[in-house]
Amino acid sequence: MRGLRELRGMVGMTIAELARATGLSRSYLWRLERGERKPGVKAVFPIMRVFSERLGIPETAVLEILKTCTYAPWG
């Protein structure tokens, strides 16, 4: 989920801020960014919601951004 780092950069969020906003742990998000973990449904939706709100775009658009990344576990 390497696009996660790029999205965080777009909205100026640290990994700690994203962890607080999503309820996911910093270590889990860090592993997602490094491609060491594949996100489950319970992780994808909070991540999409946060970036959708911050960027002012639909959640589906966030998912499309993530799909274009080098590591895209969604297929």
C-alpha atoms as a PDB file:
ATOM      1  CA  MET A   1       0.000   0.000   0.000  1.00  0.00           C
ATOM      2  CA  ARG A   2       2.803   2.318  -0.946  1.00  0.00           C
ATOM      3  CA  GLY A   3       0.387   4.992  -2.122  1.00  0.00           C
ATOM      4  CA  LEU A   4      -0.464   5.536   1.500  1.00  0.00           C
ATOM      5  CA  ARG A   5       2.757   7.476   2.041  1.00  0.00           C
ATOM      6  CA  GLU A   6       2.043   9.645  -1.003  1.00  0.00           C
ATOM      7  CA  LEU A   7      -1.496  10.337   0.195  1.00  0.00           C
ATOM      8  CA  ARG A   8      -0.205  11.242   3.646  1.00  0.00           C
ATOM      9  CA  GLY A   9       2.203  13.653   1.996  1.00  0.00           C
ATOM     10  CA  MET A  10      -0.601  15.225  -0.032  1.00  0.00           C
ATOM     11  CA  VAL A  11      -2.550  16.061   3.118  1.00  0.00           C
ATOM     12  CA  GLY A  12       0.474  16.698   5.353  1.00  0.00           C
ATOM     13  CA  MET A  13      -0.250  13.911   7.845  1.00  0.00           C
ATOM     14  CA  THR A  14       2.244  12.005   9.907  1.00  0.00           C
ATOM     15  CA  ILE A  15       1.790   8.291  10.401  1.00  0.00           C
ATOM     16  CA  ALA A  16       0.863   9.022  14.038  1.00  0.00           C
ATOM     17  CA  GLU A  17      -1.880  11.424  12.941  1.00  0.00           C
ATOM     18  CA  LEU A  18      -3.237   8.864  10.488  1.00  0.00           C
ATOM     19  CA  ALA A  19      -3.199   6.239  13.224  1.00  0.00           C
ATOM     20  CA  ARG A  20      -5.258   8.483  15.505  1.00  0.00           C
ATOM     21  CA  ALA A  21      -7.693   9.381  12.711  1.00  0.00           C
ATOM     22  CA  THR A  22      -8.265   5.775  11.630  1.00  0.00           C
ATOM     23  CA  GLY A  23      -7.961   3.941  14.925  1.00  0.00           C
ATOM     24  CA  LEU A  24      -5.249   1.735  13.400  1.00  0.00           C
ATOM     25  CA  SER A  25      -1.857   1.305  15.032  1.00  0.00           C
ATOM     26  CA  ARG A  26       1.209   3.170  13.778  1.00  0.00           C
ATOM     27  CA  SER A  27       3.096  -0.097  13.341  1.00  0.00           C
ATOM     28  CA  TYR A  28       0.284  -1.591  11.241  1.00  0.00           C
ATOM     29  CA  LEU A  29       0.163   1.492   9.006  1.00  0.00           C
ATOM     30  CA  TRP A  30       3.947   1.482   8.716  1.00  0.00           C
ATOM     31  CA  ARG A  31       3.858  -2.161   7.551  1.00  0.00           C
ATOM     32  CA  LEU A  32       1.131  -1.301   5.037  1.00  0.00           C
ATOM     33  CA  GLU A  33       3.277   1.492   3.621  1.00  0.00           C
ATOM     34  CA  ARG A  34       6.246  -0.834   3.268  1.00  0.00           C
ATOM     35  CA  GLY A  35       4.162  -3.515   1.578  1.00  0.00           C
ATOM     36  CA  GLU A  36       4.713  -5.961   4.414  1.00  0.00           C
ATOM     37  CA  ARG A  37       0.989  -6.311   5.125  1.00  0.00           C
ATOM     38  CA  LYS A  38      -2.109  -6.410   2.974  1.00  0.00           C
ATOM     39  CA  PRO A  39      -4.946  -4.303   4.354  1.00  0.00           C
ATOM     40  CA  GLY A  40      -8.117  -5.983   5.426  1.00  0.00           C
ATOM     41  CA  VAL A  41     -11.551  -4.495   4.877  1.00  0.00           C
ATOM     42  CA  LYS A  42     -11.549  -3.094   8.414  1.00  0.00           C
ATOM     43  CA  ALA A  43      -8.436  -1.081   7.537  1.00  0.00           C
ATOM     44  CA  VAL A  44      -9.341   0.027   4.020  1.00  0.00           C
ATOM     45  CA  PHE A  45     -12.552   1.842   4.892  1.00  0.00           C
ATOM     46  CA  PRO A  46     -11.158   4.077   7.676  1.00  0.00           C
ATOM     47  CA  ILE A  47      -8.164   4.944   5.488  1.00  0.00           C
ATOM     48  CA  MET A  48     -10.419   5.827   2.540  1.00  0.00           C
ATOM     49  CA  ARG A  49     -12.693   7.896   4.797  1.00  0.00           C
ATOM     50  CA  VAL A  50      -9.828   9.975   6.239  1.00  0.00           C
ATOM     51  CA  PHE A  51      -8.292  10.809   2.874  1.00  0.00           C
ATOM     52  CA  SER A  52     -11.687  11.400   1.292  1.00  0.00           C
ATOM     53  CA  GLU A  53     -12.469  14.000   3.958  1.00  0.00           C
ATOM     54  CA  ARG A  54      -9.011  15.612   3.832  1.00  0.00           C
ATOM     55  CA  LEU A  55      -8.821  15.768   0.029  1.00  0.00           C
ATOM     56  CA  GLY A  56     -12.498  16.519  -0.547  1.00  0.00           C
ATOM     57  CA  ILE A  57     -12.880  13.643  -3.007  1.00  0.00           C
ATOM     58  CA  PRO A  58     -15.119  10.569  -2.987  1.00  0.00           C
ATOM     59  CA  GLU A  59     -13.855   7.471  -1.183  1.00  0.00           C
ATOM     60  CA  THR A  60     -13.888   5.598  -4.488  1.00  0.00           C
ATOM     61  CA  ALA A  61     -11.415   8.136  -5.873  1.00  0.00           C
ATOM     62  CA  VAL A  62      -9.063   7.422  -2.960  1.00  0.00           C
ATOM     63  CA  LEU A  63      -9.305   3.721  -3.752  1.00  0.00           C
ATOM     64  CA  GLU A  64      -8.444   4.427  -7.396  1.00  0.00           C
ATOM     65  CA  ILE A  65      -5.365   6.390  -6.301  1.00  0.00           C
ATOM     66  CA  LEU A  66      -4.257   3.474  -4.150  1.00  0.00           C
ATOM     67  CA  LYS A  67      -4.849   1.023  -7.007  1.00  0.00           C
ATOM     68  CA  THR A  68      -2.371   2.885  -9.204  1.00  0.00           C
ATOM     69  CA  CYS A  69       0.461   2.374  -6.734  1.00  0.00           C
ATOM     70  CA  THR A  70       3.347  -0.011  -7.214  1.00  0.00           C
ATOM     71  CA  TYR A  71       1.981  -2.343  -4.562  1.00  0.00           C
ATOM     72  CA  ALA A  72      -1.761  -2.692  -4.989  1.00  0.00           C
ATOM     73  CA  PRO A  73      -3.150  -5.542  -2.890  1.00  0.00           C
ATOM     74  CA  TRP A  74      -6.707  -4.923  -4.110  1.00  0.00           C
ATOM     75  CA  GLY A  75      -6.087  -6.524  -7.480  1.00  0.00           C
END
